[in-house]
């Protein structure tokens, strides 16, 4: 337990307000809401965080291929999932049904980055392992791609 406290207290201070904001944002997604479309088109930029996280692994080219494939699969899954979420599009806004996947994906991205940082410090041998790189890249690609798929679904939805 003391090591867990050490890990949590060793994180940069800005991490915790970010976590609170992300939880708040994710919980709002559990409610049916009408929102402007532009934030949904900006969310795929979270993929930049995933690219940065994977790049921090100093990965081999094969890891980037795995990330790319996972990104494509994630985009397809996000596109399919969003079909039942987008209920109406009007002008520059869209009505979305409440769902828990947004919170889940946001938490996956946050904790994946947090966990990667912890493993880098606590277990550098694990952090350097190819299997860790593969799992990390696959999860990062799936999560990041899902936001692109969601944005694509909103974009093609007719008014």
Protein backbone atom coordinates (compact mmCIF):
# COMPACT_ATOMS: atom_id res chain seq x y z
CA UNK A 1 0.00 0.00 0.00
CA UNK A 2 2.82 2.48 0.70
CA UNK A 3 4.10 1.98 -2.86
CA UNK A 4 0.66 2.79 -4.28
CA UNK A 5 0.58 5.99 -2.22
CA UNK A 6 4.08 6.79 -3.45
CA UNK A 7 3.02 6.29 -7.07
CA UNK A 8 -0.11 8.44 -6.69
CA UNK A 9 1.69 11.20 -4.79
CA UNK A 10 4.58 11.16 -7.25
CA UNK A 11 2.35 12.07 -10.19
CA UNK A 12 2.48 15.67 -11.38
CA UNK A 13 -0.10 17.84 -9.64
CA UNK A 14 -1.87 18.78 -12.90
CA UNK A 15 -2.83 15.10 -13.43
CA UNK A 16 -5.54 15.11 -10.76
CA UNK A 17 -7.56 18.14 -11.95
CA UNK A 18 -7.32 16.65 -15.45
CA UNK A 19 -8.72 13.37 -14.15
CA UNK A 20 -11.61 15.18 -12.44
CA UNK A 21 -12.39 17.07 -15.67
CA UNK A 22 -12.28 13.88 -17.75
CA UNK A 23 -14.58 12.06 -15.33
CA UNK A 24 -16.99 15.02 -15.41
CA UNK A 25 -16.89 15.06 -19.23
CA UNK A 26 -17.41 11.30 -19.39
CA UNK A 27 -20.31 11.37 -16.93
CA UNK A 28 -22.02 14.09 -19.00
CA UNK A 29 -21.88 11.65 -21.91
CA UNK A 30 -24.09 9.25 -19.97
CA UNK A 31 -27.01 11.65 -20.38
CA UNK A 32 -29.00 12.37 -23.51
CA UNK A 33 -27.81 15.78 -24.66
CA UNK A 34 -27.73 18.19 -27.55
CA UNK A 35 -24.20 19.44 -28.17
CA UNK A 36 -22.36 21.47 -30.79
CA UNK A 37 -20.76 19.24 -33.41
CA UNK A 38 -17.33 20.92 -33.33
CA UNK A 39 -16.16 19.26 -30.07
CA UNK A 40 -16.94 15.86 -31.60
CA UNK A 41 -14.71 16.77 -34.53
CA UNK A 42 -11.93 17.89 -32.16
CA UNK A 43 -11.99 14.70 -30.06
CA UNK A 44 -9.99 12.72 -32.65
CA UNK A 45 -7.08 14.99 -31.72
CA UNK A 46 -6.86 12.85 -28.58
CA UNK A 47 -5.19 10.49 -30.99
CA UNK A 48 -2.20 12.81 -30.83
CA UNK A 49 -1.89 11.92 -27.14
CA UNK A 50 -1.88 8.25 -28.06
CA UNK A 51 0.69 8.77 -30.80
CA UNK A 52 2.85 10.66 -28.33
CA UNK A 53 2.45 7.90 -25.73
CA UNK A 54 3.41 5.18 -28.22
CA UNK A 55 6.31 7.26 -29.47
CA UNK A 56 7.54 7.47 -25.87
CA UNK A 57 8.09 3.72 -26.00
CA UNK A 58 10.79 4.17 -28.68
CA UNK A 59 8.93 1.50 -30.63
CA UNK A 60 10.06 -0.59 -33.57
CA UNK A 61 8.36 -0.04 -36.93
CA UNK A 62 6.19 -3.13 -36.33
CA UNK A 63 4.68 -1.46 -33.26
CA UNK A 64 3.61 1.48 -35.44
CA UNK A 65 1.98 -0.95 -37.87
CA UNK A 66 0.11 -2.54 -34.96
CA UNK A 67 -0.93 0.92 -33.72
CA UNK A 68 -2.18 1.83 -37.21
CA UNK A 69 -4.19 -1.37 -37.57
CA UNK A 70 -5.69 -0.95 -34.10
CA UNK A 71 -6.51 2.67 -34.96
CA UNK A 72 -8.40 1.56 -38.07
CA UNK A 73 -10.29 -1.12 -36.11
CA UNK A 74 -11.07 1.42 -33.37
CA UNK A 75 -12.37 3.88 -35.98
CA UNK A 76 -14.62 1.19 -37.42
CA UNK A 77 -15.94 0.23 -34.00
CA UNK A 78 -16.51 3.87 -33.05
CA UNK A 79 -18.33 4.45 -36.33
CA UNK A 80 -20.60 1.45 -35.78
CA UNK A 81 -21.25 2.24 -32.13
CA UNK A 82 -22.18 5.84 -32.82
CA UNK A 83 -24.98 4.71 -35.16
CA UNK A 84 -27.26 4.07 -32.19
CA UNK A 85 -26.08 7.17 -30.30
CA UNK A 86 -26.70 9.94 -32.87
CA UNK A 87 -30.42 10.59 -32.75
CA UNK A 88 -30.72 13.95 -34.51
CA UNK A 89 -28.50 16.43 -36.29
CA UNK A 90 -29.61 20.01 -36.76
CA UNK A 91 -27.39 22.81 -38.03
CA UNK A 92 -24.21 22.87 -35.97
CA UNK A 93 -25.59 20.67 -33.18
CA UNK A 94 -26.34 17.02 -32.68
CA UNK A 95 -28.49 15.15 -30.16
CA UNK A 96 -26.76 12.14 -28.66
CA UNK A 97 -28.22 9.37 -26.54
CA UNK A 98 -26.58 8.81 -23.18
CA UNK A 99 -23.95 6.05 -23.11
CA UNK A 100 -21.04 4.88 -20.94
CA UNK A 101 -18.51 4.05 -23.67
CA UNK A 102 -17.23 7.63 -23.86
CA UNK A 103 -16.32 7.58 -20.18
CA UNK A 104 -14.73 4.17 -20.59
CA UNK A 105 -12.59 5.22 -23.57
CA UNK A 106 -11.53 8.48 -21.91
CA UNK A 107 -10.51 6.58 -18.78
CA UNK A 108 -8.62 4.01 -20.87
CA UNK A 109 -6.62 6.80 -22.54
CA UNK A 110 -5.93 8.55 -19.23
CA UNK A 111 -4.98 5.45 -17.23
CA UNK A 112 -3.02 3.96 -20.11
CA UNK A 113 -0.79 7.04 -20.17
CA UNK A 114 -0.58 7.08 -16.36
CA UNK A 115 0.23 3.37 -16.20
CA UNK A 116 2.87 3.73 -18.93
CA UNK A 117 4.61 6.42 -16.88
CA UNK A 118 4.49 4.31 -13.75
CA UNK A 119 5.85 1.22 -15.51
CA UNK A 120 8.65 3.31 -17.02
CA UNK A 121 9.81 4.28 -13.51
CA UNK A 122 8.94 1.19 -11.47
CA UNK A 123 9.70 -1.61 -13.96
CA UNK A 124 11.92 -0.34 -16.81
CA UNK A 125 12.55 -3.89 -18.04
CA UNK A 126 8.82 -4.42 -18.51
CA UNK A 127 8.50 -1.01 -20.14
CA UNK A 128 11.21 -1.97 -22.66
CA UNK A 129 9.65 -5.35 -23.49
CA UNK A 130 8.17 -5.90 -26.94
CA UNK A 131 5.02 -7.48 -25.47
CA UNK A 132 4.38 -4.33 -23.40
CA UNK A 133 4.85 -2.19 -26.52
CA UNK A 134 2.42 -4.36 -28.48
CA UNK A 135 -0.31 -4.29 -25.83
CA UNK A 136 0.16 -0.57 -25.21
CA UNK A 137 0.08 0.28 -28.94
CA UNK A 138 -3.01 -1.87 -29.56
CA UNK A 139 -4.97 -0.29 -26.69
CA UNK A 140 -3.83 3.21 -27.68
CA UNK A 141 -4.81 2.65 -31.30
CA UNK A 142 -8.25 1.25 -30.48
CA UNK A 143 -9.07 4.10 -28.11
CA UNK A 144 -7.77 6.86 -30.37
CA UNK A 145 -9.42 5.41 -33.46
CA UNK A 146 -12.80 5.20 -31.77
CA UNK A 147 -12.95 9.00 -31.56
CA UNK A 148 -12.30 9.30 -35.31
CA UNK A 149 -15.07 6.79 -36.03
CA UNK A 150 -17.48 8.72 -33.85
CA UNK A 151 -16.67 11.99 -35.58
CA UNK A 152 -17.08 10.35 -39.00
CA UNK A 153 -20.52 9.03 -38.02
CA UNK A 154 -21.65 12.47 -36.87
CA UNK A 155 -20.24 14.04 -40.04
CA UNK A 156 -22.13 11.75 -42.40
CA UNK A 157 -25.40 11.83 -40.45
CA UNK A 158 -27.92 13.78 -42.47
CA UNK A 159 -29.74 16.72 -40.99
